Amino acid sequence: NSETYVLRVPGGVVGRFAQDYPGIPAFQTGQRYLVFIRGNQHDFFPVVGISQGVFRILSNTQGQQVVVRDDHIGHAGLRALSTLTQDAPTLDKFIQDIRTRLTPATPAPGSNLP
């Protein structure tokens, strides 16, 4: 995908100066993320639910791309990370499930719902 999206979040490092906010997820260069965003360039931290809206895209032992909550990775440790990726939904399934949940339900024919 050739599209570029700039996400503005507080914190970072410039030269010998660093700015860090406890409790706010830190994105790492070279990692892939799926992020739910609201209020970019307007809100202090534009990720929905702070850490709840950050998912890391990893590969499981079968080579499938899977989605894992980023805050679960930090608590799991390296040994349990393989367990997290084995139990995680694939990226395609995760996106499909989100789209399904965001699609309004169509009322059944003959129902009284508007």
PDB file of N, CA and C in Angstrom:
ATOM      1  N   ASN A   1       0.853  -1.172   0.000  1.00  0.00           N
ATOM      2  CA  ASN A   1       0.000   0.000   0.000  1.00  0.00           C
ATOM      3  C   ASN A   1       0.897   1.233   0.000  1.00  0.00           C
ATOM      4  N   SER A   2       0.653   2.157  -0.899  1.00  0.00           N
ATOM      5  CA  SER A   2       1.512   3.333  -1.029  1.00  0.00           C
ATOM      6  C   SER A   2       0.978   4.551  -0.287  1.00  0.00           C
ATOM      7  N   GLU A   3      -0.151   4.426   0.389  1.00  0.00           N
ATOM      8  CA  GLU A   3      -0.700   5.558   1.125  1.00  0.00           C
ATOM      9  C   GLU A   3       0.110   5.812   2.393  1.00  0.00           C
ATOM     10  N   THR A   4       0.242   7.074   2.757  1.00  0.00           N
ATOM     11  CA  THR A   4       0.936   7.450   3.982  1.00  0.00           C
ATOM     12  C   THR A   4      -0.057   8.130   4.911  1.00  0.00           C
ATOM     13  N   TYR A   5      -0.013   7.757   6.172  1.00  0.00           N
ATOM     14  CA  TYR A   5      -0.861   8.361   7.181  1.00  0.00           C
ATOM     15  C   TYR A   5       0.052   8.781   8.328  1.00  0.00           C
ATOM     16  N   VAL A   6      -0.016  10.033   8.727  1.00  0.00           N
ATOM     17  CA  VAL A   6       0.815  10.540   9.810  1.00  0.00           C
ATOM     18  C   VAL A   6      -0.003  10.539  11.095  1.00  0.00           C
ATOM     19  N   LEU A   7       0.483   9.815  12.074  1.00  0.00           N
ATOM     20  CA  LEU A   7      -0.155   9.761  13.392  1.00  0.00           C
ATOM     21  C   LEU A   7       0.676  10.606  14.341  1.00  0.00           C
ATOM     22  N   ARG A   8       0.066  11.602  14.933  1.00  0.00           N
ATOM     23  CA  ARG A   8       0.784  12.485  15.845  1.00  0.00           C
ATOM     24  C   ARG A   8       0.496  12.068  17.284  1.00  0.00           C
ATOM     25  N   VAL A   9       1.551  11.620  17.952  1.00  0.00           N
ATOM     26  CA  VAL A   9       1.446  11.210  19.352  1.00  0.00           C
ATOM     27  C   VAL A   9       2.531  11.926  20.153  1.00  0.00           C
ATOM     28  N   PRO A  10       2.273  12.191  21.433  1.00  0.00           N
ATOM     29  CA  PRO A  10       3.271  12.882  22.250  1.00  0.00           C
ATOM     30  C   PRO A  10       4.444  11.964  22.579  1.00  0.00           C
ATOM     31  N   GLY A  11       5.577  12.587  22.869  1.00  0.00           N
ATOM     32  CA  GLY A  11       6.747  11.828  23.293  1.00  0.00           C
ATOM     33  C   GLY A  11       7.708  11.577  22.153  1.00  0.00           C
ATOM     34  N   GLY A  12       8.848  11.035  22.499  1.00  0.00           N
ATOM     35  CA  GLY A  12       9.857  10.701  21.513  1.00  0.00           C
ATOM     36  C   GLY A  12      11.230  11.163  21.954  1.00  0.00           C
ATOM     37  N   VAL A  13      12.199  10.971  21.070  1.00  0.00           N
ATOM     38  CA  VAL A  13      13.581  11.308  21.362  1.00  0.00           C
ATOM     39  C   VAL A  13      14.127  12.182  20.247  1.00  0.00           C
ATOM     40  N   VAL A  14      14.760  13.273  20.624  1.00  0.00           N
ATOM     41  CA  VAL A  14      15.467  14.136  19.689  1.00  0.00           C
ATOM     42  C   VAL A  14      16.843  14.383  20.291  1.00  0.00           C
ATOM     43  N   GLY A  15      17.867  13.855  19.635  1.00  0.00           N
ATOM     44  CA  GLY A  15      19.221  13.995  20.158  1.00  0.00           C
ATOM     45  C   GLY A  15      19.341  13.366  21.528  1.00  0.00           C
ATOM     46  N   ARG A  16      19.753  14.160  22.512  1.00  0.00           N
ATOM     47  CA  ARG A  16      19.898  13.625  23.871  1.00  0.00           C
ATOM     48  C   ARG A  16      18.694  13.920  24.757  1.00  0.00           C
ATOM     49  N   PHE A  17      17.632  14.456  24.170  1.00  0.00           N
ATOM     50  CA  PHE A  17      16.429  14.782  24.925  1.00  0.00           C
ATOM     51  C   PHE A  17      15.317  13.785  24.618  1.00  0.00           C
ATOM     52  N   ALA A  18      14.630  13.348  25.665  1.00  0.00           N
ATOM     53  CA  ALA A  18      13.523  12.400  25.507  1.00  0.00           C
ATOM     54  C   ALA A  18      12.313  12.904  26.276  1.00  0.00           C
ATOM     55  N   GLN A  19      11.151  12.626  25.734  1.00  0.00           N
ATOM     56  CA  GLN A  19       9.893  12.971  26.390  1.00  0.00           C
ATOM     57  C   GLN A  19       9.063  11.699  26.443  1.00  0.00           C
ATOM     58  N   ASP A  20       8.641  11.329  27.650  1.00  0.00           N
ATOM     59  CA  ASP A  20       7.916  10.077  27.847  1.00  0.00           C
ATOM     60  C   ASP A  20       6.707  10.352  28.732  1.00  0.00           C
ATOM     61  N   TYR A  21       5.595   9.710  28.418  1.00  0.00           N
ATOM     62  CA  TYR A  21       4.376   9.838  29.213  1.00  0.00           C
ATOM     63  C   TYR A  21       3.988   8.456  29.714  1.00  0.00           C
ATOM     64  N   PRO A  22       4.076   8.213  31.024  1.00  0.00           N
ATOM     65  CA  PRO A  22       3.722   6.903  31.573  1.00  0.00           C
ATOM     66  C   PRO A  22       2.287   6.509  31.207  1.00  0.00           C
ATOM     67  N   GLY A  23       2.119   5.265  30.819  1.00  0.00           N
ATOM     68  CA  GLY A  23       0.794   4.745  30.489  1.00  0.00           C
ATOM     69  C   GLY A  23       0.416   4.883  29.032  1.00  0.00           C
ATOM     70  N   ILE A  24       1.165   5.675  28.276  1.00  0.00           N
ATOM     71  CA  ILE A  24       0.859   5.840  26.856  1.00  0.00           C
ATOM     72  C   ILE A  24       1.751   4.895  26.062  1.00  0.00           C
ATOM     73  N   PRO A  25       1.161   4.096  25.173  1.00  0.00           N
ATOM     74  CA  PRO A  25       1.966   3.150  24.395  1.00  0.00           C
ATOM     75  C   PRO A  25       3.048   3.862  23.582  1.00  0.00           C
ATOM     76  N   ALA A  26       4.184   3.214  23.467  1.00  0.00           N
ATOM     77  CA  ALA A  26       5.290   3.728  22.662  1.00  0.00           C
ATOM     78  C   ALA A  26       5.401   2.852  21.412  1.00  0.00           C
ATOM     79  N   PHE A  27       5.367   3.467  20.267  1.00  0.00           N
ATOM     80  CA  PHE A  27       5.487   2.732  19.014  1.00  0.00           C
ATOM     81  C   PHE A  27       6.959   2.536  18.693  1.00  0.00           C
ATOM     82  N   GLN A  28       7.298   1.361  18.191  1.00  0.00           N
ATOM     83  CA  GLN A  28       8.684   1.036  17.881  1.00  0.00           C
ATOM     84  C   GLN A  28       8.890   0.996  16.376  1.00  0.00           C
ATOM     85  N   THR A  29       9.953   1.621  15.929  1.00  0.00           N
ATOM     86  CA  THR A  29      10.296   1.614  14.515  1.00  0.00           C
ATOM     87  C   THR A  29      10.490   0.177  14.046  1.00  0.00           C
ATOM     88  N   GLY A  30       9.951  -0.123  12.883  1.00  0.00           N
ATOM     89  CA  GLY A  30      10.098  -1.456  12.304  1.00  0.00           C
ATOM     90  C   GLY A  30       8.996  -2.425  12.691  1.00  0.00           C
ATOM     91  N   GLN A  31       8.192  -2.083  13.678  1.00  0.00           N
ATOM     92  CA  GLN A  31       7.074  -2.944  14.081  1.00  0.00           C
ATOM     93  C   GLN A  31       5.839  -2.570  13.274  1.00  0.00           C
ATOM     94  N   ARG A  32       4.935  -3.536  13.092  1.00  0.00           N
ATOM     95  CA  ARG A  32       3.675  -3.266  12.401  1.00  0.00           C
ATOM     96  C   ARG A  32       2.559  -3.251  13.430  1.00  0.00           C
ATOM     97  N   TYR A  33       1.659  -2.279  13.278  1.00  0.00           N
ATOM     98  CA  TYR A  33       0.566  -2.100  14.226  1.00  0.00           C
ATOM     99  C   TYR A  33      -0.751  -1.936  13.484  1.00  0.00           C
ATOM    100  N   LEU A  34      -1.824  -2.308  14.144  1.00  0.00           N
ATOM    101  CA  LEU A  34      -3.174  -1.968  13.725  1.00  0.00           C
ATOM    102  C   LEU A  34      -3.670  -1.050  14.836  1.00  0.00           C
ATOM    103  N   VAL A  35      -4.031   0.190  14.485  1.00  0.00           N
ATOM    104  CA  VAL A  35      -4.338   1.205  15.488  1.00  0.00           C
ATOM    105  C   VAL A  35      -5.704   1.821  15.193  1.00  0.00           C
ATOM    106  N   PHE A  36      -6.527   1.932  16.223  1.00  0.00           N
ATOM    107  CA  PHE A  36      -7.822   2.592  16.106  1.00  0.00           C
ATOM    108  C   PHE A  36      -7.639   4.039  16.547  1.00  0.00           C
ATOM    109  N   ILE A  37      -7.903   4.974  15.631  1.00  0.00           N
ATOM    110  CA  ILE A  37      -7.578   6.379  15.842  1.00  0.00           C
ATOM    111  C   ILE A  37      -8.836   7.246  15.832  1.00  0.00           C
ATOM    112  N   ARG A  38      -8.816   8.250  16.723  1.00  0.00           N
ATOM    113  CA  ARG A  38      -9.881   9.260  16.755  1.00  0.00           C
ATOM    114  C   ARG A  38      -9.256  10.560  17.248  1.00  0.00           C
ATOM    115  N   GLY A  39      -9.474  11.641  16.539  1.00  0.00           N
ATOM    116  CA  GLY A  39      -9.000  12.946  16.981  1.00  0.00           C
ATOM    117  C   GLY A  39      -7.542  13.226  16.680  1.00  0.00           C
ATOM    118  N   ASN A  40      -7.001  12.617  15.627  1.00  0.00           N
ATOM    119  CA  ASN A  40      -5.601  12.851  15.277  1.00  0.00           C
ATOM    120  C   ASN A  40      -5.378  14.340  15.004  1.00  0.00           C
ATOM    121  N   GLN A  41      -4.309  14.872  15.543  1.00  0.00           N
ATOM    122  CA  GLN A  41      -3.913  16.274  15.467  1.00  0.00           C
ATOM    123  C   GLN A  41      -4.828  17.193  16.271  1.00  0.00           C
ATOM    124  N   HIS A  42      -5.762  16.614  17.042  1.00  0.00           N
ATOM    125  CA  HIS A  42      -6.636  17.402  17.907  1.00  0.00           C
ATOM    126  C   HIS A  42      -6.541  16.926  19.362  1.00  0.00           C
ATOM    127  N   ASP A  43      -6.510  15.606  19.565  1.00  0.00           N
ATOM    128  CA  ASP A  43      -6.447  15.035  20.913  1.00  0.00           C
ATOM    129  C   ASP A  43      -5.003  14.830  21.329  1.00  0.00           C
ATOM    130  N   PHE A  44      -4.752  14.871  22.638  1.00  0.00           N
ATOM    131  CA  PHE A  44      -3.410  14.668  23.179  1.00  0.00           C
ATOM    132  C   PHE A  44      -2.842  13.326  22.726  1.00  0.00           C
ATOM    133  N   PHE A  45      -3.622  12.271  22.871  1.00  0.00           N
ATOM    134  CA  PHE A  45      -3.231  10.948  22.373  1.00  0.00           C
ATOM    135  C   PHE A  45      -4.410  10.400  21.587  1.00  0.00           C
ATOM    136  N   PRO A  46      -4.331  10.392  20.269  1.00  0.00           N
ATOM    137  CA  PRO A  46      -5.488  10.112  19.422  1.00  0.00           C
ATOM    138  C   PRO A  46      -5.848   8.641  19.227  1.00  0.00           C
ATOM    139  N   VAL A  47      -5.308   7.753  20.053  1.00  0.00           N
ATOM    140  CA  VAL A  47      -5.632   6.333  19.912  1.00  0.00           C
ATOM    141  C   VAL A  47      -6.807   6.017  20.826  1.00  0.00           C
ATOM    142  N   VAL A  48      -7.825   5.371  20.289  1.00  0.00           N
ATOM    143  CA  VAL A  48      -9.036   5.022  21.041  1.00  0.00           C
ATOM    144  C   VAL A  48      -8.675   4.121  22.222  1.00  0.00           C
ATOM    145  N   GLY A  49      -9.079   4.520  23.414  1.00  0.00           N
ATOM    146  CA  GLY A  49      -8.854   3.703  24.609  1.00  0.00           C
ATOM    147  C   GLY A  49      -7.399   3.614  25.024  1.00  0.00           C
ATOM    148  N   ILE A  50      -6.581   4.535  24.581  1.00  0.00           N
ATOM    149  CA  ILE A  50      -5.135   4.574  24.841  1.00  0.00           C
ATOM    150  C   ILE A  50      -4.521   3.242  24.416  1.00  0.00           C
ATOM    151  N   SER A  51      -4.163   2.349  25.325  1.00  0.00           N
ATOM    152  CA  SER A  51      -3.530   1.094  24.911  1.00  0.00           C
ATOM    153  C   SER A  51      -4.535   0.090  24.345  1.00  0.00           C
ATOM    154  N   GLN A  52      -5.813   0.292  24.621  1.00  0.00           N
ATOM    155  CA  GLN A  52      -6.822  -0.641  24.116  1.00  0.00           C
ATOM    156  C   GLN A  52      -6.965  -0.563  22.598  1.00  0.00           C
ATOM    157  N   GLY A  53      -6.556   0.539  22.002  1.00  0.00           N
ATOM    158  CA  GLY A  53      -6.688   0.708  20.561  1.00  0.00           C
ATOM    159  C   GLY A  53      -5.431   0.381  19.782  1.00  0.00           C
ATOM    160  N   VAL A  54      -4.429  -0.222  20.456  1.00  0.00           N
ATOM    161  CA  VAL A  54      -3.166  -0.555  19.788  1.00  0.00           C
ATOM    162  C   VAL A  54      -3.006  -2.068  19.742  1.00  0.00           C
ATOM    163  N   PHE A  55      -2.852  -2.596  18.537  1.00  0.00           N
ATOM    164  CA  PHE A  55      -2.637  -4.024  18.326  1.00  0.00           C
ATOM    165  C   PHE A  55      -1.365  -4.204  17.517  1.00  0.00           C
ATOM    166  N   ARG A  56      -0.551  -5.165  17.899  1.00  0.00           N
ATOM    167  CA  ARG A  56       0.680  -5.439  17.157  1.00  0.00           C
ATOM    168  C   ARG A  56       0.414  -6.584  16.189  1.00  0.00           C
ATOM    169  N   ILE A  57       0.939  -6.455  14.996  1.00  0.00           N
ATOM    170  CA  ILE A  57       0.836  -7.500  13.985  1.00  0.00           C
ATOM    171  C   ILE A  57       2.124  -8.312  14.031  1.00  0.00           C
ATOM    172  N   LEU A  58       1.985  -9.591  14.341  1.00  0.00           N
ATOM    173  CA  LEU A  58       3.120 -10.503  14.465  1.00  0.00           C
ATOM    174  C   LEU A  58       2.883 -11.725  13.590  1.00  0.00           C
ATOM    175  N   SER A  59       3.883 -12.567  13.477  1.00  0.00           N
ATOM    176  CA  SER A  59       3.728 -13.837  12.760  1.00  0.00           C
ATOM    177  C   SER A  59       3.732 -14.967  13.769  1.00  0.00           C
ATOM    178  N   ASN A  60       2.823 -15.938  13.564  1.00  0.00           N
ATOM    179  CA  ASN A  60       2.827 -17.120  14.423  1.00  0.00           C
ATOM    180  C   ASN A  60       3.765 -18.171  13.817  1.00  0.00           C
ATOM    181  N   THR A  61       3.852 -19.332  14.442  1.00  0.00           N
ATOM    182  CA  THR A  61       4.781 -20.359  13.972  1.00  0.00           C
ATOM    183  C   THR A  61       4.405 -20.917  12.606  1.00  0.00           C
ATOM    184  N   GLN A  62       3.162 -20.717  12.167  1.00  0.00           N
ATOM    185  CA  GLN A  62       2.740 -21.143  10.834  1.00  0.00           C
ATOM    186  C   GLN A  62       3.008 -20.063   9.783  1.00  0.00           C
ATOM    187  N   GLY A  63       3.566 -18.928  10.200  1.00  0.00           N
ATOM    188  CA  GLY A  63       3.864 -17.845   9.281  1.00  0.00           C
ATOM    189  C   GLY A  63       2.674 -16.952   8.971  1.00  0.00           C
ATOM    190  N   GLN A  64       1.563 -17.137   9.691  1.00  0.00           N
ATOM    191  CA  GLN A  64       0.383 -16.297   9.490  1.00  0.00           C
ATOM    192  C   GLN A  64       0.547 -14.987  10.258  1.00  0.00           C
ATOM    193  N   GLN A  65       0.037 -13.897   9.673  1.00  0.00           N
ATOM    194  CA  GLN A  65       0.022 -12.631  10.395  1.00  0.00           C
ATOM    195  C   GLN A  65      -1.143 -12.668  11.369  1.00  0.00           C
ATOM    196  N   VAL A  66      -0.846 -12.402  12.636  1.00  0.00           N
ATOM    197  CA  VAL A  66      -1.867 -12.409  13.682  1.00  0.00           C
ATOM    198  C   VAL A  66      -1.853 -11.075  14.400  1.00  0.00           C
ATOM    199  N   VAL A  67      -2.955 -10.807  15.126  1.00  0.00           N
ATOM    200  CA  VAL A  67      -3.132  -9.538  15.834  1.00  0.00           C
ATOM    201  C   VAL A  67      -3.147  -9.809  17.334  1.00  0.00           C
ATOM    202  N   VAL A  68      -2.277  -9.090  18.060  1.00  0.00           N
ATOM    203  CA  VAL A  68      -2.164  -9.243  19.509  1.00  0.00           C
ATOM    204  C   VAL A  68      -2.219  -7.863  20.136  1.00  0.00           C
ATOM    205  N   ARG A  69      -3.015  -7.715  21.191  1.00  0.00           N
ATOM    206  CA  ARG A  69      -3.044  -6.431  21.903  1.00  0.00           C
ATOM    207  C   ARG A  69      -1.640  -6.087  22.339  1.00  0.00           C
ATOM    208  N   ASP A  70      -1.197  -4.883  22.046  1.00  0.00           N
ATOM    209  CA  ASP A  70       0.171  -4.484  22.323  1.00  0.00           C
ATOM    210  C   ASP A  70       0.488  -4.522  23.814  1.00  0.00           C
ATOM    211  N   ASP A  71      -0.465  -4.145  24.655  1.00  0.00           N
ATOM    212  CA  ASP A  71      -0.192  -4.155  26.098  1.00  0.00           C
ATOM    213  C   ASP A  71      -0.062  -5.578  26.641  1.00  0.00           C
ATOM    214  N   HIS A  72      -0.612  -6.576  25.960  1.00  0.00           N
ATOM    215  CA  HIS A  72      -0.461  -7.968  26.389  1.00  0.00           C
ATOM    216  C   HIS A  72       0.958  -8.468  26.125  1.00  0.00           C
ATOM    217  N   ILE A  73       1.605  -7.928  25.107  1.00  0.00           N
ATOM    218  CA  ILE A  73       2.965  -8.355  24.768  1.00  0.00           C
ATOM    219  C   ILE A  73       3.926  -7.985  25.889  1.00  0.00           C
ATOM    220  N   GLY A  74       3.819  -6.767  26.388  1.00  0.00           N
ATOM    221  CA  GLY A  74       4.712  -6.315  27.445  1.00  0.00           C
ATOM    222  C   GLY A  74       4.574  -7.123  28.722  1.00  0.00           C
ATOM    223  N   HIS A  75       3.378  -7.603  29.014  1.00  0.00           N
ATOM    224  CA  HIS A  75       3.141  -8.359  30.240  1.00  0.00           C
ATOM    225  C   HIS A  75       3.449  -9.839  30.071  1.00  0.00           C
ATOM    226  N   ALA A  76       3.477 -10.327  28.844  1.00  0.00           N
ATOM    227  CA  ALA A  76       3.612 -11.757  28.607  1.00  0.00           C
ATOM    228  C   ALA A  76       5.040 -12.261  28.750  1.00  0.00           C
ATOM    229  N   GLY A  77       6.006 -11.469  28.368  1.00  0.00           N
ATOM    230  CA  GLY A  77       7.381 -11.957  28.353  1.00  0.00           C
ATOM    231  C   GLY A  77       7.612 -12.779  27.094  1.00  0.00           C
ATOM    232  N   LEU A  78       8.855 -13.019  26.770  1.00  0.00           N
ATOM    233  CA  LEU A  78       9.184 -13.707  25.523  1.00  0.00           C
ATOM    234  C   LEU A  78       8.684 -15.142  25.486  1.00  0.00           C
ATOM    235  N   ARG A  79       8.744 -15.851  26.595  1.00  0.00           N
ATOM    236  CA  ARG A  79       8.344 -17.254  26.601  1.00  0.00           C
ATOM    237  C   ARG A  79       6.863 -17.419  26.280  1.00  0.00           C
ATOM    238  N   ALA A  80       6.034 -16.538  26.827  1.00  0.00           N
ATOM    239  CA  ALA A  80       4.595 -16.632  26.615  1.00  0.00           C
ATOM    240  C   ALA A  80       4.161 -15.992  25.299  1.00  0.00           C
ATOM    241  N   LEU A  81       5.058 -15.258  24.633  1.00  0.00           N
ATOM    242  CA  LEU A  81       4.702 -14.601  23.387  1.00  0.00           C
ATOM    243  C   LEU A  81       4.283 -15.612  22.325  1.00  0.00           C
ATOM    244  N   SER A  82       4.935 -16.761  22.275  1.00  0.00           N
ATOM    245  CA  SER A  82       4.545 -17.776  21.296  1.00  0.00           C
ATOM    246  C   SER A  82       3.137 -18.284  21.581  1.00  0.00           C
ATOM    247  N   THR A  83       2.752 -18.359  22.855  1.00  0.00           N
ATOM    248  CA  THR A  83       1.389 -18.754  23.214  1.00  0.00           C
ATOM    249  C   THR A  83       0.398 -17.686  22.768  1.00  0.00           C
ATOM    250  N   LEU A  84       0.756 -16.414  22.971  1.00  0.00           N
ATOM    251  CA  LEU A  84      -0.128 -15.323  22.545  1.00  0.00           C
ATOM    252  C   LEU A  84      -0.362 -15.367  21.037  1.00  0.00           C
ATOM    253  N   THR A  85       0.693 -15.586  20.266  1.00  0.00           N
ATOM    254  CA  THR A  85       0.531 -15.583  18.808  1.00  0.00           C
ATOM    255  C   THR A  85      -0.234 -16.802  18.326  1.00  0.00           C
ATOM    256  N   GLN A  86      -0.124 -17.935  19.024  1.00  0.00           N
ATOM    257  CA  GLN A  86      -0.863 -19.137  18.606  1.00  0.00           C
ATOM    258  C   GLN A  86      -2.353 -18.981  18.858  1.00  0.00           C
ATOM    259  N   ASP A  87      -2.719 -18.282  19.920  1.00  0.00           N
ATOM    260  CA  ASP A  87      -4.126 -18.094  20.272  1.00  0.00           C
ATOM    261  C   ASP A  87      -4.737 -16.856  19.623  1.00  0.00           C
ATOM    262  N   ALA A  88      -3.931 -16.051  18.945  1.00  0.00           N
ATOM    263  CA  ALA A  88      -4.397 -14.785  18.381  1.00  0.00           C
ATOM    264  C   ALA A  88      -5.124 -14.993  17.060  1.00  0.00           C
ATOM    265  N   PRO A  89      -6.099 -14.122  16.767  1.00  0.00           N
ATOM    266  CA  PRO A  89      -6.782 -14.213  15.463  1.00  0.00           C
ATOM    267  C   PRO A  89      -5.851 -13.752  14.342  1.00  0.00           C
ATOM    268  N   THR A  90      -6.068 -14.289  13.151  1.00  0.00           N
ATOM    269  CA  THR A  90      -5.286 -13.811  12.012  1.00  0.00           C
ATOM    270  C   THR A  90      -5.701 -12.369  11.712  1.00  0.00           C
ATOM    271  N   LEU A  91      -4.823 -11.660  11.053  1.00  0.00           N
ATOM    272  CA  LEU A  91      -5.102 -10.261  10.708  1.00  0.00           C
ATOM    273  C   LEU A  91      -6.363 -10.162   9.860  1.00  0.00           C
ATOM    274  N   ASP A  92      -6.501 -11.033   8.868  1.00  0.00           N
ATOM    275  CA  ASP A  92      -7.682 -10.992   8.001  1.00  0.00           C
ATOM    276  C   ASP A  92      -8.969 -11.257   8.785  1.00  0.00           C
ATOM    277  N   LYS A  93      -8.945 -12.239   9.680  1.00  0.00           N
ATOM    278  CA  LYS A  93     -10.133 -12.558  10.483  1.00  0.00           C
ATOM    279  C   LYS A  93     -10.467 -11.400  11.424  1.00  0.00           C
ATOM    280  N   PHE A  94      -9.461 -10.810  12.044  1.00  0.00           N
ATOM    281  CA  PHE A  94      -9.668  -9.691  12.953  1.00  0.00           C
ATOM    282  C   PHE A  94     -10.339  -8.530  12.222  1.00  0.00           C
ATOM    283  N   ILE A  95      -9.821  -8.163  11.059  1.00  0.00           N
ATOM    284  CA  ILE A  95     -10.391  -7.061  10.276  1.00  0.00           C
ATOM    285  C   ILE A  95     -11.810  -7.398   9.834  1.00  0.00           C
ATOM    286  N   GLN A  96     -12.030  -8.638   9.410  1.00  0.00           N
ATOM    287  CA  GLN A  96     -13.375  -9.066   9.004  1.00  0.00           C
ATOM    288  C   GLN A  96     -14.352  -8.951  10.176  1.00  0.00           C
ATOM    289  N   ASP A  97     -13.939  -9.392  11.362  1.00  0.00           N
ATOM    290  CA  ASP A  97     -14.808  -9.313  12.547  1.00  0.00           C
ATOM    291  C   ASP A  97     -15.129  -7.866  12.914  1.00  0.00           C
ATOM    292  N   ILE A  98     -14.149  -6.984  12.821  1.00  0.00           N
ATOM    293  CA  ILE A  98     -14.380  -5.566  13.121  1.00  0.00           C
ATOM    294  C   ILE A  98     -15.365  -4.976  12.117  1.00  0.00           C
ATOM    295  N   ARG A  99     -15.167  -5.256  10.844  1.00  0.00           N
ATOM    296  CA  ARG A  99     -16.084  -4.733   9.818  1.00  0.00           C
ATOM    297  C   ARG A  99     -17.499  -5.254  10.026  1.00  0.00           C
ATOM    298  N   THR A 100     -17.622  -6.512  10.410  1.00  0.00           N
ATOM    299  CA  THR A 100     -18.947  -7.091  10.669  1.00  0.00           C
ATOM    300  C   THR A 100     -19.620  -6.376  11.833  1.00  0.00           C
ATOM    301  N   ARG A 101     -18.869  -6.103  12.882  1.00  0.00           N
ATOM    302  CA  ARG A 101     -19.446  -5.439  14.056  1.00  0.00           C
ATOM    303  C   ARG A 101     -19.794  -3.981  13.788  1.00  0.00           C
ATOM    304  N   LEU A 102     -19.094  -3.353  12.846  1.00  0.00           N
ATOM    305  CA  LEU A 102     -19.370  -1.954  12.526  1.00  0.00           C
ATOM    306  C   LEU A 102     -20.486  -1.780  11.503  1.00  0.00           C
ATOM    307  N   THR A 103     -20.860  -2.858  10.823  1.00  0.00           N
ATOM    308  CA  THR A 103     -21.918  -2.790   9.832  1.00  0.00           C
ATOM    309  C   THR A 103     -23.261  -2.850  10.543  1.00  0.00           C
ATOM    310  N   PRO A 104     -24.128  -1.854  10.315  1.00  0.00           N
ATOM    311  CA  PRO A 104     -25.436  -1.869  10.983  1.00  0.00           C
ATOM    312  C   PRO A 104     -26.240  -3.101  10.572  1.00  0.00           C
ATOM    313  N   ALA A 105     -26.930  -3.652  11.539  1.00  0.00           N
ATOM    314  CA  ALA A 105     -27.784  -4.806  11.261  1.00  0.00           C
ATOM    315  C   ALA A 105     -28.966  -4.366  10.406  1.00  0.00           C
ATOM    316  N   THR A 106     -29.333  -5.196   9.460  1.00  0.00           N
ATOM    317  CA  THR A 106     -30.485  -4.911   8.612  1.00  0.00           C
ATOM    318  C   THR A 106     -31.713  -5.550   9.250  1.00  0.00           C
ATOM    319  N   PRO A 107     -32.762  -4.758   9.496  1.00  0.00           N
ATOM    320  CA  PRO A 107     -33.970  -5.333  10.105  1.00  0.00           C
ATOM    321  C   PRO A 107     -34.572  -6.415   9.204  1.00  0.00           C
ATOM    322  N   ALA A 108     -35.119  -7.413   9.825  1.00  0.00           N
ATOM    323  CA  ALA A 108     -35.783  -8.491   9.077  1.00  0.00           C
ATOM    324  C   ALA A 108     -37.001  -7.938   8.381  1.00  0.00           C
ATOM    325  N   PRO A 109     -37.308  -8.472   7.185  1.00  0.00           N
ATOM    326  CA  PRO A 109     -38.504  -8.009   6.468  1.00  0.00           C
ATOM    327  C   PRO A 109     -39.746  -8.153   7.342  1.00  0.00           C
ATOM    328  N   GLY A 110     -40.565  -7.133   7.353  1.00  0.00           N
ATOM    329  CA  GLY A 110     -41.818  -7.172   8.113  1.00  0.00           C
ATOM    330  C   GLY A 110     -41.665  -6.765   9.570  1.00  0.00           C
ATOM    331  N   SER A 111     -40.433  -6.472  10.014  1.00  0.00           N
ATOM    332  CA  SER A 111     -40.269  -6.070  11.422  1.00  0.00           C
ATOM    333  C   SER A 111     -40.704  -4.611  11.569  1.00  0.00           C
ATOM    334  N   ASN A 112     -40.965  -4.206  12.784  1.00  0.00           N
ATOM    335  CA  ASN A 112     -41.412  -2.849  13.067  1.00  0.00           C
ATOM    336  C   ASN A 112     -40.262  -1.896  13.360  1.00  0.00           C
ATOM    337  N   LEU A 113     -39.011  -2.378  13.204  1.00  0.00           N
ATOM    338  CA  LEU A 113     -37.869  -1.511  13.487  1.00  0.00           C
ATOM    339  C   LEU A 113     -37.673  -0.514  12.369  1.00  0.00           C
ATOM    340  N   PRO A 114     -37.279   0.723  12.698  1.00  0.00           N
ATOM    341  CA  PRO A 114     -37.081   1.739  11.654  1.00  0.00           C
ATOM    342  C   PRO A 114     -35.880   1.428  10.788  1.00  0.00           C
TER     343      PRO A 114
END
